[in-house]
Amino acid sequence: MMKRAEKESLLKQVTESAKEAKALVFSDYKGVTVKQLSEIRAELRKSGSRFQILKKTILNIALSDAGIAVDARKLEGQVGVAFSTDEVSAAKAIADYVKANKDMKLSIVGGALEGKALSAAEVKALAKLPSKDELRGTLAGTLQAPIAGFVRTLSGNLSGLVRVLSAVAEKKA
């Protein structure tokens, strides 16, 4: 049993984490093994996110203190929360892990984005969006495409001229 000082410290830490996070993903972890939870935490760490299991009462107070409009007591099952450093990474990591492990009993039960509550369906839709790095790569490719096309056009004209000149040179030789 936690002492009052430990609970207050935990509450302060969770409140700060919730304020700093761009998105939160709430998951029902009932039936998930310790090994699977460790694997999920490792996947989330790769994206700069983290997963924490909390009592609903402490989570609800922390969310309220952080200004996030979610009632944790209404979430289904035993709730764990993933704190995400960007908008999609935690949702994507959890959804991908659950998809890769069909026997996984972890389920997404809700979330929060910029202080507003999200349903489980909205969090799953968020997980399908590309990450910032993927969007940056797409943008770079899109910006580079016209320049590459222009270079190919110029080199095509030059190589055509070279072929014509070499054909003329062979004919005269």
N, C-alpha and C. Protein backbone atom coordinates (compact mmCIF):
# COMPACT_ATOMS: atom_id res chain seq x y z
N MET A 1 0.84 -1.18 0.00
CA MET A 1 0.00 0.00 0.00
C MET A 1 0.89 1.25 0.00
N MET A 2 0.57 2.17 -0.86
CA MET A 2 1.36 3.40 -0.97
C MET A 2 1.01 4.36 0.15
N LYS A 3 2.01 5.06 0.63
CA LYS A 3 1.79 6.09 1.64
C LYS A 3 1.34 7.36 0.95
N ARG A 4 0.78 8.27 1.71
CA ARG A 4 0.24 9.51 1.18
C ARG A 4 1.30 10.32 0.43
N ALA A 5 2.49 10.41 0.99
CA ALA A 5 3.57 11.17 0.34
C ALA A 5 3.94 10.56 -1.00
N GLU A 6 3.97 9.22 -1.07
CA GLU A 6 4.29 8.53 -2.34
C GLU A 6 3.20 8.80 -3.37
N LYS A 7 1.94 8.79 -2.93
CA LYS A 7 0.82 9.07 -3.84
C LYS A 7 0.89 10.49 -4.37
N GLU A 8 1.21 11.43 -3.50
CA GLU A 8 1.32 12.83 -3.93
C GLU A 8 2.47 13.01 -4.92
N SER A 9 3.58 12.33 -4.68
CA SER A 9 4.72 12.40 -5.60
C SER A 9 4.35 11.79 -6.96
N LEU A 10 3.68 10.64 -6.92
CA LEU A 10 3.24 10.00 -8.16
C LEU A 10 2.26 10.88 -8.91
N LEU A 11 1.32 11.47 -8.19
CA LEU A 11 0.33 12.35 -8.79
C LEU A 11 1.00 13.54 -9.48
N LYS A 12 1.99 14.13 -8.82
CA LYS A 12 2.71 15.27 -9.39
C LYS A 12 3.45 14.85 -10.66
N GLN A 13 4.09 13.69 -10.61
CA GLN A 13 4.85 13.19 -11.77
C GLN A 13 3.92 12.88 -12.94
N VAL A 14 2.78 12.26 -12.69
CA VAL A 14 1.82 11.91 -13.75
C VAL A 14 1.21 13.18 -14.33
N THR A 15 0.91 14.16 -13.48
CA THR A 15 0.35 15.43 -13.96
C THR A 15 1.34 16.12 -14.89
N GLU A 16 2.61 16.16 -14.53
CA GLU A 16 3.64 16.77 -15.39
C GLU A 16 3.78 16.02 -16.71
N SER A 17 3.75 14.70 -16.64
CA SER A 17 3.85 13.89 -17.86
C SER A 17 2.66 14.16 -18.78
N ALA A 18 1.48 14.29 -18.20
CA ALA A 18 0.27 14.54 -19.00
C ALA A 18 0.32 15.93 -19.64
N LYS A 19 0.85 16.91 -18.91
CA LYS A 19 0.97 18.27 -19.46
C LYS A 19 1.97 18.31 -20.62
N GLU A 20 3.07 17.58 -20.49
CA GLU A 20 4.13 17.59 -21.50
C GLU A 20 3.77 16.77 -22.73
N ALA A 21 2.94 15.75 -22.57
CA ALA A 21 2.61 14.85 -23.67
C ALA A 21 1.70 15.55 -24.68
N LYS A 22 1.95 15.28 -25.95
CA LYS A 22 1.07 15.82 -26.99
C LYS A 22 -0.17 14.97 -27.16
N ALA A 23 -0.04 13.68 -26.86
CA ALA A 23 -1.18 12.77 -26.96
C ALA A 23 -1.08 11.70 -25.88
N LEU A 24 -2.22 11.20 -25.45
CA LEU A 24 -2.30 10.11 -24.49
C LEU A 24 -3.12 9.00 -25.11
N VAL A 25 -2.72 7.76 -24.84
CA VAL A 25 -3.48 6.59 -25.31
C VAL A 25 -3.78 5.74 -24.09
N PHE A 26 -5.08 5.48 -23.87
CA PHE A 26 -5.50 4.66 -22.74
C PHE A 26 -5.78 3.25 -23.23
N SER A 27 -5.23 2.25 -22.54
CA SER A 27 -5.36 0.86 -22.94
C SER A 27 -5.84 0.00 -21.79
N ASP A 28 -6.66 -1.00 -22.11
CA ASP A 28 -7.07 -2.00 -21.14
C ASP A 28 -6.05 -3.13 -21.23
N TYR A 29 -5.32 -3.36 -20.16
CA TYR A 29 -4.24 -4.35 -20.18
C TYR A 29 -4.63 -5.64 -19.47
N LYS A 30 -5.89 -5.84 -19.16
CA LYS A 30 -6.32 -7.04 -18.45
C LYS A 30 -6.00 -8.28 -19.29
N GLY A 31 -5.30 -9.23 -18.69
CA GLY A 31 -4.94 -10.46 -19.39
C GLY A 31 -3.61 -10.40 -20.11
N VAL A 32 -2.92 -9.28 -20.04
CA VAL A 32 -1.63 -9.12 -20.71
C VAL A 32 -0.54 -9.56 -19.75
N THR A 33 0.41 -10.33 -20.25
CA THR A 33 1.49 -10.84 -19.40
C THR A 33 2.53 -9.75 -19.15
N VAL A 34 3.36 -9.95 -18.14
CA VAL A 34 4.42 -9.02 -17.82
C VAL A 34 5.41 -8.93 -18.99
N LYS A 35 5.69 -10.05 -19.62
CA LYS A 35 6.60 -10.07 -20.77
C LYS A 35 6.05 -9.20 -21.90
N GLN A 36 4.75 -9.33 -22.19
CA GLN A 36 4.14 -8.53 -23.25
C GLN A 36 4.16 -7.05 -22.90
N LEU A 37 3.89 -6.72 -21.63
CA LEU A 37 3.95 -5.32 -21.21
C LEU A 37 5.36 -4.76 -21.37
N SER A 38 6.37 -5.57 -21.07
CA SER A 38 7.75 -5.13 -21.25
C SER A 38 8.05 -4.88 -22.72
N GLU A 39 7.54 -5.75 -23.60
CA GLU A 39 7.75 -5.56 -25.04
C GLU A 39 7.05 -4.30 -25.54
N ILE A 40 5.84 -4.04 -25.05
CA ILE A 40 5.11 -2.83 -25.44
C ILE A 40 5.87 -1.60 -24.98
N ARG A 41 6.36 -1.63 -23.76
CA ARG A 41 7.13 -0.49 -23.24
C ARG A 41 8.38 -0.25 -24.09
N ALA A 42 9.04 -1.33 -24.51
CA ALA A 42 10.24 -1.19 -25.35
C ALA A 42 9.87 -0.57 -26.70
N GLU A 43 8.76 -1.00 -27.29
CA GLU A 43 8.32 -0.42 -28.57
C GLU A 43 8.01 1.06 -28.42
N LEU A 44 7.35 1.41 -27.33
CA LEU A 44 7.00 2.81 -27.10
C LEU A 44 8.25 3.66 -26.86
N ARG A 45 9.23 3.11 -26.17
CA ARG A 45 10.47 3.85 -25.91
C ARG A 45 11.18 4.22 -27.21
N LYS A 46 11.09 3.33 -28.21
CA LYS A 46 11.74 3.60 -29.50
C LYS A 46 11.19 4.87 -30.13
N SER A 47 9.92 5.16 -29.89
CA SER A 47 9.29 6.34 -30.48
C SER A 47 9.30 7.54 -29.53
N GLY A 48 9.96 7.40 -28.37
CA GLY A 48 10.02 8.50 -27.43
C GLY A 48 8.82 8.58 -26.51
N SER A 49 8.01 7.55 -26.48
CA SER A 49 6.82 7.51 -25.64
C SER A 49 7.08 6.58 -24.46
N ARG A 50 6.15 6.59 -23.51
CA ARG A 50 6.28 5.66 -22.40
C ARG A 50 4.91 5.21 -21.93
N PHE A 51 4.86 4.04 -21.28
CA PHE A 51 3.62 3.42 -20.84
C PHE A 51 3.67 3.27 -19.33
N GLN A 52 2.57 3.65 -18.68
CA GLN A 52 2.52 3.57 -17.22
C GLN A 52 1.16 3.03 -16.80
N ILE A 53 1.17 2.14 -15.82
CA ILE A 53 -0.06 1.59 -15.27
C ILE A 53 -0.39 2.37 -14.00
N LEU A 54 -1.63 2.85 -13.93
CA LEU A 54 -2.04 3.68 -12.81
C LEU A 54 -3.44 3.29 -12.34
N LYS A 55 -3.73 3.60 -11.11
CA LYS A 55 -5.10 3.46 -10.63
C LYS A 55 -5.92 4.56 -11.28
N LYS A 56 -7.19 4.25 -11.55
CA LYS A 56 -8.04 5.22 -12.22
C LYS A 56 -8.22 6.49 -11.41
N THR A 57 -8.26 6.38 -10.10
CA THR A 57 -8.44 7.55 -9.25
C THR A 57 -7.28 8.52 -9.40
N ILE A 58 -6.07 8.01 -9.32
CA ILE A 58 -4.88 8.86 -9.47
C ILE A 58 -4.81 9.44 -10.88
N LEU A 59 -5.08 8.61 -11.88
CA LEU A 59 -5.07 9.07 -13.26
C LEU A 59 -6.10 10.16 -13.47
N ASN A 60 -7.29 9.99 -12.92
CA ASN A 60 -8.35 10.97 -13.10
C ASN A 60 -7.97 12.31 -12.48
N ILE A 61 -7.40 12.29 -11.28
CA ILE A 61 -6.97 13.53 -10.62
C ILE A 61 -5.86 14.20 -11.43
N ALA A 62 -4.90 13.41 -11.91
CA ALA A 62 -3.78 13.96 -12.69
C ALA A 62 -4.28 14.58 -14.00
N LEU A 63 -5.20 13.91 -14.66
CA LEU A 63 -5.74 14.44 -15.91
C LEU A 63 -6.50 15.74 -15.66
N SER A 64 -7.25 15.77 -14.58
CA SER A 64 -7.99 16.97 -14.22
C SER A 64 -7.03 18.12 -13.92
N ASP A 65 -5.98 17.85 -13.16
CA ASP A 65 -4.98 18.87 -12.84
C ASP A 65 -4.24 19.36 -14.08
N ALA A 66 -4.07 18.48 -15.06
CA ALA A 66 -3.37 18.84 -16.30
C ALA A 66 -4.28 19.54 -17.30
N GLY A 67 -5.57 19.61 -17.00
CA GLY A 67 -6.51 20.28 -17.90
C GLY A 67 -6.95 19.43 -19.07
N ILE A 68 -6.93 18.12 -18.90
CA ILE A 68 -7.33 17.19 -19.96
C ILE A 68 -8.74 16.69 -19.66
N ALA A 69 -9.63 16.85 -20.62
CA ALA A 69 -11.05 16.56 -20.43
C ALA A 69 -11.38 15.08 -20.62
N VAL A 70 -10.84 14.23 -19.77
CA VAL A 70 -11.11 12.80 -19.83
C VAL A 70 -11.47 12.33 -18.43
N ASP A 71 -12.55 11.56 -18.30
CA ASP A 71 -12.91 10.97 -17.01
C ASP A 71 -12.39 9.54 -17.01
N ALA A 72 -11.27 9.33 -16.33
CA ALA A 72 -10.61 8.02 -16.32
C ALA A 72 -11.46 6.95 -15.67
N ARG A 73 -12.36 7.35 -14.76
CA ARG A 73 -13.21 6.36 -14.09
C ARG A 73 -14.19 5.69 -15.04
N LYS A 74 -14.47 6.34 -16.17
CA LYS A 74 -15.42 5.77 -17.14
C LYS A 74 -14.74 4.88 -18.18
N LEU A 75 -13.41 4.82 -18.15
CA LEU A 75 -12.70 3.96 -19.09
C LEU A 75 -12.88 2.50 -18.69
N GLU A 76 -12.98 1.64 -19.67
CA GLU A 76 -13.22 0.22 -19.41
C GLU A 76 -11.95 -0.50 -18.99
N GLY A 77 -12.10 -1.47 -18.08
CA GLY A 77 -11.03 -2.38 -17.70
C GLY A 77 -9.96 -1.75 -16.83
N GLN A 78 -8.83 -2.44 -16.78
CA GLN A 78 -7.66 -1.97 -16.04
C GLN A 78 -6.86 -1.08 -16.98
N VAL A 79 -6.67 0.16 -16.58
CA VAL A 79 -6.16 1.15 -17.52
C VAL A 79 -4.67 1.42 -17.35
N GLY A 80 -3.99 1.39 -18.49
CA GLY A 80 -2.62 1.84 -18.60
C GLY A 80 -2.62 3.02 -19.55
N VAL A 81 -1.72 3.95 -19.37
CA VAL A 81 -1.69 5.13 -20.22
C VAL A 81 -0.33 5.27 -20.89
N ALA A 82 -0.35 5.58 -22.18
CA ALA A 82 0.87 5.83 -22.93
C ALA A 82 0.97 7.33 -23.15
N PHE A 83 2.08 7.91 -22.72
CA PHE A 83 2.35 9.33 -22.89
C PHE A 83 3.20 9.48 -24.15
N SER A 84 2.71 10.24 -25.12
CA SER A 84 3.37 10.34 -26.41
C SER A 84 4.02 11.71 -26.62
N THR A 85 5.22 11.70 -27.19
CA THR A 85 5.93 12.95 -27.46
C THR A 85 5.44 13.62 -28.74
N ASP A 86 4.76 12.87 -29.60
CA ASP A 86 4.11 13.48 -30.76
C ASP A 86 2.69 12.95 -30.88
N GLU A 87 1.98 13.37 -31.88
CA GLU A 87 0.55 13.10 -31.96
C GLU A 87 0.20 11.65 -32.28
N VAL A 88 1.04 10.94 -33.01
CA VAL A 88 0.65 9.60 -33.48
C VAL A 88 1.54 8.45 -33.02
N SER A 89 2.71 8.72 -32.48
CA SER A 89 3.66 7.64 -32.25
C SER A 89 3.17 6.58 -31.26
N ALA A 90 2.58 6.98 -30.15
CA ALA A 90 2.12 5.99 -29.16
C ALA A 90 0.96 5.17 -29.71
N ALA A 91 0.00 5.83 -30.34
CA ALA A 91 -1.14 5.12 -30.91
C ALA A 91 -0.67 4.13 -31.98
N LYS A 92 0.26 4.57 -32.82
CA LYS A 92 0.78 3.72 -33.89
C LYS A 92 1.55 2.52 -33.30
N ALA A 93 2.38 2.76 -32.30
CA ALA A 93 3.18 1.68 -31.70
C ALA A 93 2.28 0.63 -31.05
N ILE A 94 1.27 1.06 -30.31
CA ILE A 94 0.37 0.11 -29.66
C ILE A 94 -0.46 -0.65 -30.69
N ALA A 95 -1.01 0.07 -31.66
CA ALA A 95 -1.83 -0.59 -32.69
C ALA A 95 -1.00 -1.59 -33.49
N ASP A 96 0.22 -1.23 -33.85
CA ASP A 96 1.09 -2.14 -34.61
C ASP A 96 1.46 -3.37 -33.79
N TYR A 97 1.73 -3.17 -32.49
CA TYR A 97 2.09 -4.30 -31.64
C TYR A 97 0.91 -5.25 -31.49
N VAL A 98 -0.28 -4.71 -31.29
CA VAL A 98 -1.47 -5.55 -31.15
C VAL A 98 -1.74 -6.30 -32.45
N LYS A 99 -1.55 -5.63 -33.59
CA LYS A 99 -1.77 -6.26 -34.89
C LYS A 99 -0.76 -7.38 -35.14
N ALA A 100 0.48 -7.18 -34.72
CA ALA A 100 1.53 -8.18 -34.92
C ALA A 100 1.36 -9.38 -34.00
N ASN A 101 0.74 -9.18 -32.85
CA ASN A 101 0.54 -10.25 -31.87
C ASN A 101 -0.96 -10.49 -31.71
N LYS A 102 -1.49 -11.37 -32.54
CA LYS A 102 -2.94 -11.61 -32.58
C LYS A 102 -3.49 -12.12 -31.25
N ASP A 103 -2.68 -12.83 -30.45
CA ASP A 103 -3.15 -13.36 -29.17
C ASP A 103 -3.12 -12.30 -28.07
N MET A 104 -2.71 -11.09 -28.40
CA MET A 104 -2.60 -10.01 -27.43
C MET A 104 -3.99 -9.59 -26.95
N LYS A 105 -4.12 -9.42 -25.64
CA LYS A 105 -5.39 -9.02 -25.07
C LYS A 105 -5.46 -7.53 -24.80
N LEU A 106 -4.41 -6.80 -25.11
CA LEU A 106 -4.38 -5.35 -24.92
C LEU A 106 -5.34 -4.71 -25.91
N SER A 107 -6.13 -3.77 -25.43
CA SER A 107 -7.05 -3.06 -26.33
C SER A 107 -7.04 -1.58 -26.01
N ILE A 108 -7.16 -0.78 -27.04
CA ILE A 108 -7.20 0.67 -26.88
C ILE A 108 -8.62 1.04 -26.48
N VAL A 109 -8.77 1.81 -25.39
CA VAL A 109 -10.10 2.18 -24.91
C VAL A 109 -10.37 3.68 -25.02
N GLY A 110 -9.37 4.45 -25.42
CA GLY A 110 -9.58 5.89 -25.58
C GLY A 110 -8.26 6.62 -25.65
N GLY A 111 -8.36 7.92 -25.63
CA GLY A 111 -7.15 8.72 -25.69
C GLY A 111 -7.46 10.19 -25.50
N ALA A 112 -6.43 10.99 -25.62
CA ALA A 112 -6.57 12.44 -25.53
C ALA A 112 -5.54 13.07 -26.45
N LEU A 113 -5.97 14.12 -27.12
CA LEU A 113 -5.09 14.86 -28.02
C LEU A 113 -5.31 16.34 -27.76
N GLU A 114 -4.24 17.02 -27.38
CA GLU A 114 -4.29 18.44 -27.08
C GLU A 114 -5.39 18.77 -26.07
N GLY A 115 -5.52 17.93 -25.04
CA GLY A 115 -6.47 18.20 -23.97
C GLY A 115 -7.90 17.75 -24.22
N LYS A 116 -8.18 17.23 -25.40
CA LYS A 116 -9.54 16.81 -25.73
C LYS A 116 -9.62 15.28 -25.77
N ALA A 117 -10.73 14.75 -25.31
CA ALA A 117 -10.93 13.31 -25.26
C ALA A 117 -11.11 12.73 -26.66
N LEU A 118 -10.59 11.52 -26.86
CA LEU A 118 -10.76 10.79 -28.11
C LEU A 118 -11.37 9.43 -27.79
N SER A 119 -12.22 8.95 -28.68
CA SER A 119 -12.77 7.60 -28.51
C SER A 119 -11.74 6.58 -28.99
N ALA A 120 -12.01 5.31 -28.72
CA ALA A 120 -11.10 4.25 -29.17
C ALA A 120 -10.99 4.25 -30.70
N ALA A 121 -12.10 4.46 -31.39
CA ALA A 121 -12.08 4.48 -32.86
C ALA A 121 -11.23 5.65 -33.37
N GLU A 122 -11.32 6.80 -32.72
CA GLU A 122 -10.52 7.95 -33.15
C GLU A 122 -9.03 7.72 -32.91
N VAL A 123 -8.68 7.04 -31.82
CA VAL A 123 -7.27 6.73 -31.56
C VAL A 123 -6.75 5.75 -32.60
N LYS A 124 -7.57 4.76 -32.97
CA LYS A 124 -7.16 3.80 -34.00
C LYS A 124 -6.99 4.49 -35.35
N ALA A 125 -7.86 5.45 -35.65
CA ALA A 125 -7.72 6.22 -36.89
C ALA A 125 -6.44 7.07 -36.84
N LEU A 126 -6.15 7.61 -35.67
CA LEU A 126 -4.92 8.39 -35.49
C LEU A 126 -3.69 7.52 -35.73
N ALA A 127 -3.77 6.26 -35.33
CA ALA A 127 -2.64 5.33 -35.51
C ALA A 127 -2.36 5.04 -36.98
N LYS A 128 -3.35 5.22 -37.83
CA LYS A 128 -3.17 4.95 -39.26
C LYS A 128 -2.52 6.10 -40.00
N LEU A 129 -2.43 7.27 -39.37
CA LEU A 129 -1.81 8.42 -40.01
C LEU A 129 -0.30 8.22 -40.08
N PRO A 130 0.34 8.80 -41.09
CA PRO A 130 1.81 8.70 -41.15
C PRO A 130 2.45 9.55 -40.06
N SER A 131 3.64 9.15 -39.64
CA SER A 131 4.36 9.90 -38.61
C SER A 131 4.97 11.17 -39.23
N LYS A 132 5.50 12.03 -38.38
CA LYS A 132 6.12 13.26 -38.87
C LYS A 132 7.29 12.97 -39.79
N ASP A 133 8.10 11.96 -39.45
CA ASP A 133 9.24 11.62 -40.29
C ASP A 133 8.79 11.14 -41.67
N GLU A 134 7.73 10.34 -41.71
CA GLU A 134 7.20 9.87 -43.01
C GLU A 134 6.66 11.04 -43.82
N LEU A 135 5.97 11.96 -43.16
CA LEU A 135 5.46 13.14 -43.86
C LEU A 135 6.59 14.03 -44.38
N ARG A 136 7.64 14.16 -43.59
CA ARG A 136 8.80 14.95 -44.05
C ARG A 136 9.46 14.31 -45.26
N GLY A 137 9.58 12.98 -45.25
CA GLY A 137 10.14 12.27 -46.40
C GLY A 137 9.30 12.45 -47.65
N THR A 138 7.99 12.37 -47.49
CA THR A 138 7.08 12.57 -48.61
C THR A 138 7.21 13.99 -49.16
N LEU A 139 7.27 14.97 -48.25
CA LEU A 139 7.42 16.37 -48.67
C LEU A 139 8.73 16.58 -49.42
N ALA A 140 9.81 16.01 -48.90
CA ALA A 140 11.12 16.16 -49.56
C ALA A 140 11.08 15.55 -50.96
N GLY A 141 10.47 14.38 -51.09
CA GLY A 141 10.36 13.74 -52.40
C GLY A 141 9.52 14.57 -53.36
N THR A 142 8.45 15.16 -52.85
CA THR A 142 7.58 15.98 -53.68
C THR A 142 8.29 17.25 -54.14
N LEU A 143 9.06 17.85 -53.24
CA LEU A 143 9.79 19.06 -53.61
C LEU A 143 10.93 18.77 -54.58
N GLN A 144 11.52 17.60 -54.47
CA GLN A 144 12.66 17.24 -55.29
C GLN A 144 12.23 16.76 -56.69
N ALA A 145 11.02 16.28 -56.85
CA ALA A 145 10.57 15.68 -58.11
C ALA A 145 10.64 16.64 -59.31
N PRO A 146 10.15 17.86 -59.23
CA PRO A 146 10.24 18.73 -60.42
C PRO A 146 11.68 19.03 -60.83
N ILE A 147 12.56 19.19 -59.85
CA ILE A 147 13.97 19.48 -60.16
C ILE A 147 14.60 18.27 -60.86
N ALA A 148 14.31 17.07 -60.36
CA ALA A 148 14.85 15.86 -60.97
C ALA A 148 14.32 15.69 -62.40
N GLY A 149 13.04 16.00 -62.61
CA GLY A 149 12.47 15.92 -63.96
C GLY A 149 13.13 16.90 -64.91
N PHE A 150 13.39 18.09 -64.43
CA PHE A 150 14.05 19.11 -65.24
C PHE A 150 15.46 18.66 -65.63
N VAL A 151 16.20 18.11 -64.67
CA VAL A 151 17.56 17.61 -64.94
C VAL A 151 17.53 16.48 -65.97
N ARG A 152 16.56 15.55 -65.84
CA ARG A 152 16.45 14.46 -66.81
C ARG A 152 16.12 14.99 -68.20
N THR A 153 15.28 15.99 -68.27
CA THR A 153 14.94 16.59 -69.57
C THR A 153 16.17 17.22 -70.22
N LEU A 154 16.92 17.97 -69.45
CA LEU A 154 18.14 18.59 -69.99
C LEU A 154 19.15 17.55 -70.41
N SER A 155 19.34 16.53 -69.60
CA SER A 155 20.33 15.51 -69.95
C SER A 155 19.86 14.70 -71.15
N GLY A 156 18.54 14.53 -71.31
CA GLY A 156 18.02 13.82 -72.48
C GLY A 156 18.33 14.57 -73.76
N ASN A 157 18.15 15.89 -73.73
CA ASN A 157 18.45 16.71 -74.91
C ASN A 157 19.94 16.66 -75.23
N LEU A 158 20.79 16.75 -74.22
CA LEU A 158 22.23 16.71 -74.44
C LEU A 158 22.67 15.34 -74.97
N SER A 159 22.13 14.27 -74.38
CA SER A 159 22.54 12.94 -74.85
C SER A 159 22.03 12.70 -76.27
N GLY A 160 20.87 13.25 -76.62
CA GLY A 160 20.38 13.16 -78.01
C GLY A 160 21.31 13.88 -78.97
N LEU A 161 21.78 15.06 -78.58
CA LEU A 161 22.72 15.83 -79.41
C LEU A 161 24.02 15.06 -79.60
N VAL A 162 24.51 14.46 -78.53
CA VAL A 162 25.75 13.68 -78.60
C VAL A 162 25.56 12.50 -79.55
N ARG A 163 24.43 11.79 -79.49
CA ARG A 163 24.18 10.65 -80.39
C ARG A 163 24.13 11.10 -81.85
N VAL A 164 23.48 12.23 -82.11
CA VAL A 164 23.41 12.74 -83.48
C VAL A 164 24.80 13.10 -83.99
N LEU A 165 25.59 13.77 -83.15
CA LEU A 165 26.94 14.17 -83.58
C LEU A 165 27.82 12.94 -83.82
N SER A 166 27.68 11.91 -82.95
CA SER A 166 28.51 10.71 -83.15
C SER A 166 28.05 9.96 -84.41
N ALA A 167 26.76 9.98 -84.71
CA ALA A 167 26.28 9.32 -85.94
C ALA A 167 26.80 10.06 -87.15
N VAL A 168 26.83 11.40 -87.13
CA VAL A 168 27.35 12.20 -88.24
C VAL A 168 28.84 11.92 -88.39
N ALA A 169 29.57 11.83 -87.27
CA ALA A 169 31.01 11.58 -87.31
C ALA A 169 31.28 10.20 -87.90
N GLU A 170 30.48 9.20 -87.55
CA GLU A 170 30.68 7.84 -88.09
C GLU A 170 30.38 7.82 -89.60
N LYS A 171 29.37 8.55 -90.02
CA LYS A 171 28.98 8.58 -91.42
C LYS A 171 30.07 9.22 -92.28
N LYS A 172 30.71 10.24 -91.76
CA LYS A 172 31.77 10.93 -92.49
C LYS A 172 33.08 10.16 -92.44
N ALA A 173 33.26 9.29 -91.48
CA ALA A 173 34.52 8.58 -91.34
C ALA A 173 34.66 7.41 -92.24
